[in-house]
Amino acid sequence: QVHMVESGGRLVQAGASLRLTCTASGYIGGLAWFRHSTIRQREFVAFNSRNGGQTYYADFVKGRFIISRVNANNTAYLQMDNLEPEDTAVYYCASESTNNGAPYYNALRYPYWGRGTQVTVSS
């Protein structure tokens, strides 16, 4: 069992930047960020493979977010720039254990999840 903890979410104004941090209690494989809001439910945001060779983003990111990681520290980050009110959501990090065949944007791929961190963007 790997415990994941997100941090860094807070209230900001549109156009601001935030960096979310995901800290794991142990080895993390491929890692994704998802977000959940009452309007759009759960959405895939970004994925990064353990070796960094595969990185994918949701279309709505539009080059504003960057996912990164430091494997030695079991830590991952989501740098978010030019935030928009539509980015308001609870952001979750999730790690895969083994590749179960689900695609990277599918929540079923990831058995380990944090409890989320709230990001609120005011207009």
Protein backbone atom coordinates (compact mmCIF):
# COMPACT_ATOMS: atom_id res chain seq x y z
CA GLN A 1 0.00 0.00 0.00
CA VAL A 2 1.33 3.43 -0.95
CA HIS A 3 -0.09 6.50 0.73
CA MET A 4 -0.30 9.64 -1.36
CA VAL A 5 -0.67 13.15 0.01
CA GLU A 6 -1.34 16.25 -2.05
CA SER A 7 -0.59 19.79 -0.95
CA GLY A 8 -0.32 23.29 -2.35
CA GLY A 9 -3.90 24.06 -3.24
CA ARG A 10 -5.38 27.39 -2.18
CA LEU A 11 -7.46 30.34 -3.30
CA VAL A 12 -5.85 32.45 -6.03
CA GLN A 13 -6.95 34.98 -8.62
CA ALA A 14 -7.24 34.24 -12.31
CA GLY A 15 -3.87 34.40 -14.02
CA ALA A 16 -1.95 33.27 -10.95
CA SER A 17 0.30 30.24 -10.63
CA LEU A 18 0.34 27.36 -8.18
CA ARG A 19 2.54 24.35 -7.69
CA LEU A 20 0.89 21.25 -6.31
CA THR A 21 2.99 18.63 -4.58
CA CYS A 22 2.27 14.93 -4.29
CA THR A 23 4.26 13.00 -1.70
CA ALA A 24 4.15 9.22 -1.58
CA SER A 25 5.09 6.88 1.25
CA GLY A 26 6.90 4.55 -1.12
CA TYR A 27 7.74 3.66 -4.69
CA ILE A 28 5.56 5.32 -7.28
CA GLY A 29 5.23 4.16 -10.83
CA GLY A 30 3.44 6.06 -13.52
CA LEU A 31 1.67 8.98 -11.90
CA ALA A 32 -1.30 11.04 -12.91
CA TRP A 33 -3.10 14.10 -11.70
CA PHE A 34 -6.88 14.20 -11.87
CA ARG A 35 -9.31 16.84 -10.77
CA HIS A 36 -12.90 16.75 -9.61
CA SER A 37 -15.45 19.51 -9.61
CA THR A 38 -19.20 19.55 -9.18
CA ILE A 39 -19.58 20.75 -12.75
CA ARG A 40 -17.33 18.36 -14.65
CA GLN A 41 -16.92 15.50 -12.18
CA ARG A 42 -13.56 13.74 -12.44
CA GLU A 43 -11.17 14.73 -15.23
CA PHE A 44 -7.74 13.52 -16.24
CA VAL A 45 -5.19 16.34 -16.09
CA ALA A 46 -1.70 14.96 -16.70
CA PHE A 47 0.39 11.78 -16.66
CA ASN A 48 4.08 11.12 -16.30
CA SER A 49 5.78 7.75 -16.53
CA ARG A 50 8.34 6.82 -13.92
CA ASN A 51 11.27 7.35 -16.25
CA GLY A 52 9.75 10.53 -17.64
CA GLY A 53 9.70 9.16 -21.14
CA GLN A 54 5.95 9.46 -21.47
CA THR A 55 4.11 12.62 -20.57
CA TYR A 56 0.56 13.43 -21.53
CA TYR A 57 -1.79 16.29 -20.80
CA ALA A 58 -5.49 16.91 -21.16
CA ASP A 59 -6.40 19.22 -24.00
CA PHE A 60 -7.70 21.89 -21.65
CA VAL A 61 -4.22 22.30 -20.13
CA LYS A 62 -3.21 24.20 -23.29
CA GLY A 63 0.45 24.34 -22.28
CA ARG A 64 -0.30 25.93 -18.91
CA PHE A 65 0.57 22.97 -16.68
CA ILE A 66 3.75 20.96 -16.28
CA ILE A 67 3.98 17.61 -14.50
CA SER A 68 7.30 16.58 -13.02
CA ARG A 69 8.72 14.24 -10.40
CA VAL A 70 11.71 13.43 -8.23
CA ASN A 71 11.80 9.66 -7.92
CA ALA A 72 14.44 9.68 -5.20
CA ASN A 73 12.03 11.59 -2.97
CA ASN A 74 8.87 9.80 -4.09
CA THR A 75 7.50 13.22 -4.94
CA ALA A 76 5.68 14.62 -7.93
CA TYR A 77 4.60 18.11 -8.86
CA LEU A 78 2.04 19.87 -10.98
CA GLN A 79 3.05 23.39 -11.91
CA MET A 80 -0.01 25.34 -12.98
CA ASP A 81 0.32 28.73 -14.64
CA ASN A 82 -2.23 31.20 -15.95
CA LEU A 83 -4.98 29.65 -13.88
CA GLU A 84 -8.57 30.17 -14.93
CA PRO A 85 -11.78 30.01 -12.86
CA GLU A 86 -12.62 26.82 -14.77
CA ASP A 87 -9.59 25.21 -13.10
CA THR A 88 -11.34 25.34 -9.74
CA ALA A 89 -11.49 21.77 -8.46
CA VAL A 90 -10.05 19.29 -6.00
CA TYR A 91 -6.83 17.96 -7.47
CA TYR A 92 -5.73 14.40 -6.83
CA CYS A 93 -2.54 12.55 -7.56
CA ALA A 94 -2.70 8.85 -8.32
CA SER A 95 -0.03 6.23 -8.83
CA GLU A 96 -0.09 2.99 -10.70
CA SER A 97 1.20 -0.22 -9.17
CA THR A 98 1.62 -2.37 -12.23
CA ASN A 99 0.32 -1.67 -15.68
CA ASN A 100 -3.15 -3.20 -15.60
CA GLY A 101 -3.84 -2.29 -19.20
CA ALA A 102 -6.10 0.66 -18.52
CA PRO A 103 -5.09 3.75 -20.49
CA TYR A 104 -3.21 6.52 -18.71
CA TYR A 105 -6.26 8.82 -18.66
CA ASN A 106 -8.46 6.19 -17.02
CA ALA A 107 -8.76 6.37 -13.24
CA LEU A 108 -8.98 2.57 -13.09
CA ARG A 109 -5.31 2.37 -13.94
CA TYR A 110 -4.34 3.77 -10.52
CA PRO A 111 -4.83 1.89 -7.25
CA TYR A 112 -3.22 4.56 -5.07
CA TRP A 113 -4.84 7.93 -4.55
CA GLY A 114 -4.44 10.87 -2.24
CA ARG A 115 -7.29 12.74 -0.59
CA GLY A 116 -6.91 15.79 -2.79
CA THR A 117 -6.09 19.44 -2.42
CA GLN A 118 -8.55 22.22 -3.17
CA VAL A 119 -7.67 24.77 -5.84
CA THR A 120 -10.01 27.74 -6.14
CA VAL A 121 -9.50 30.36 -8.83
CA SER A 122 -11.47 33.57 -8.53
CA SER A 123 -12.27 35.78 -11.50
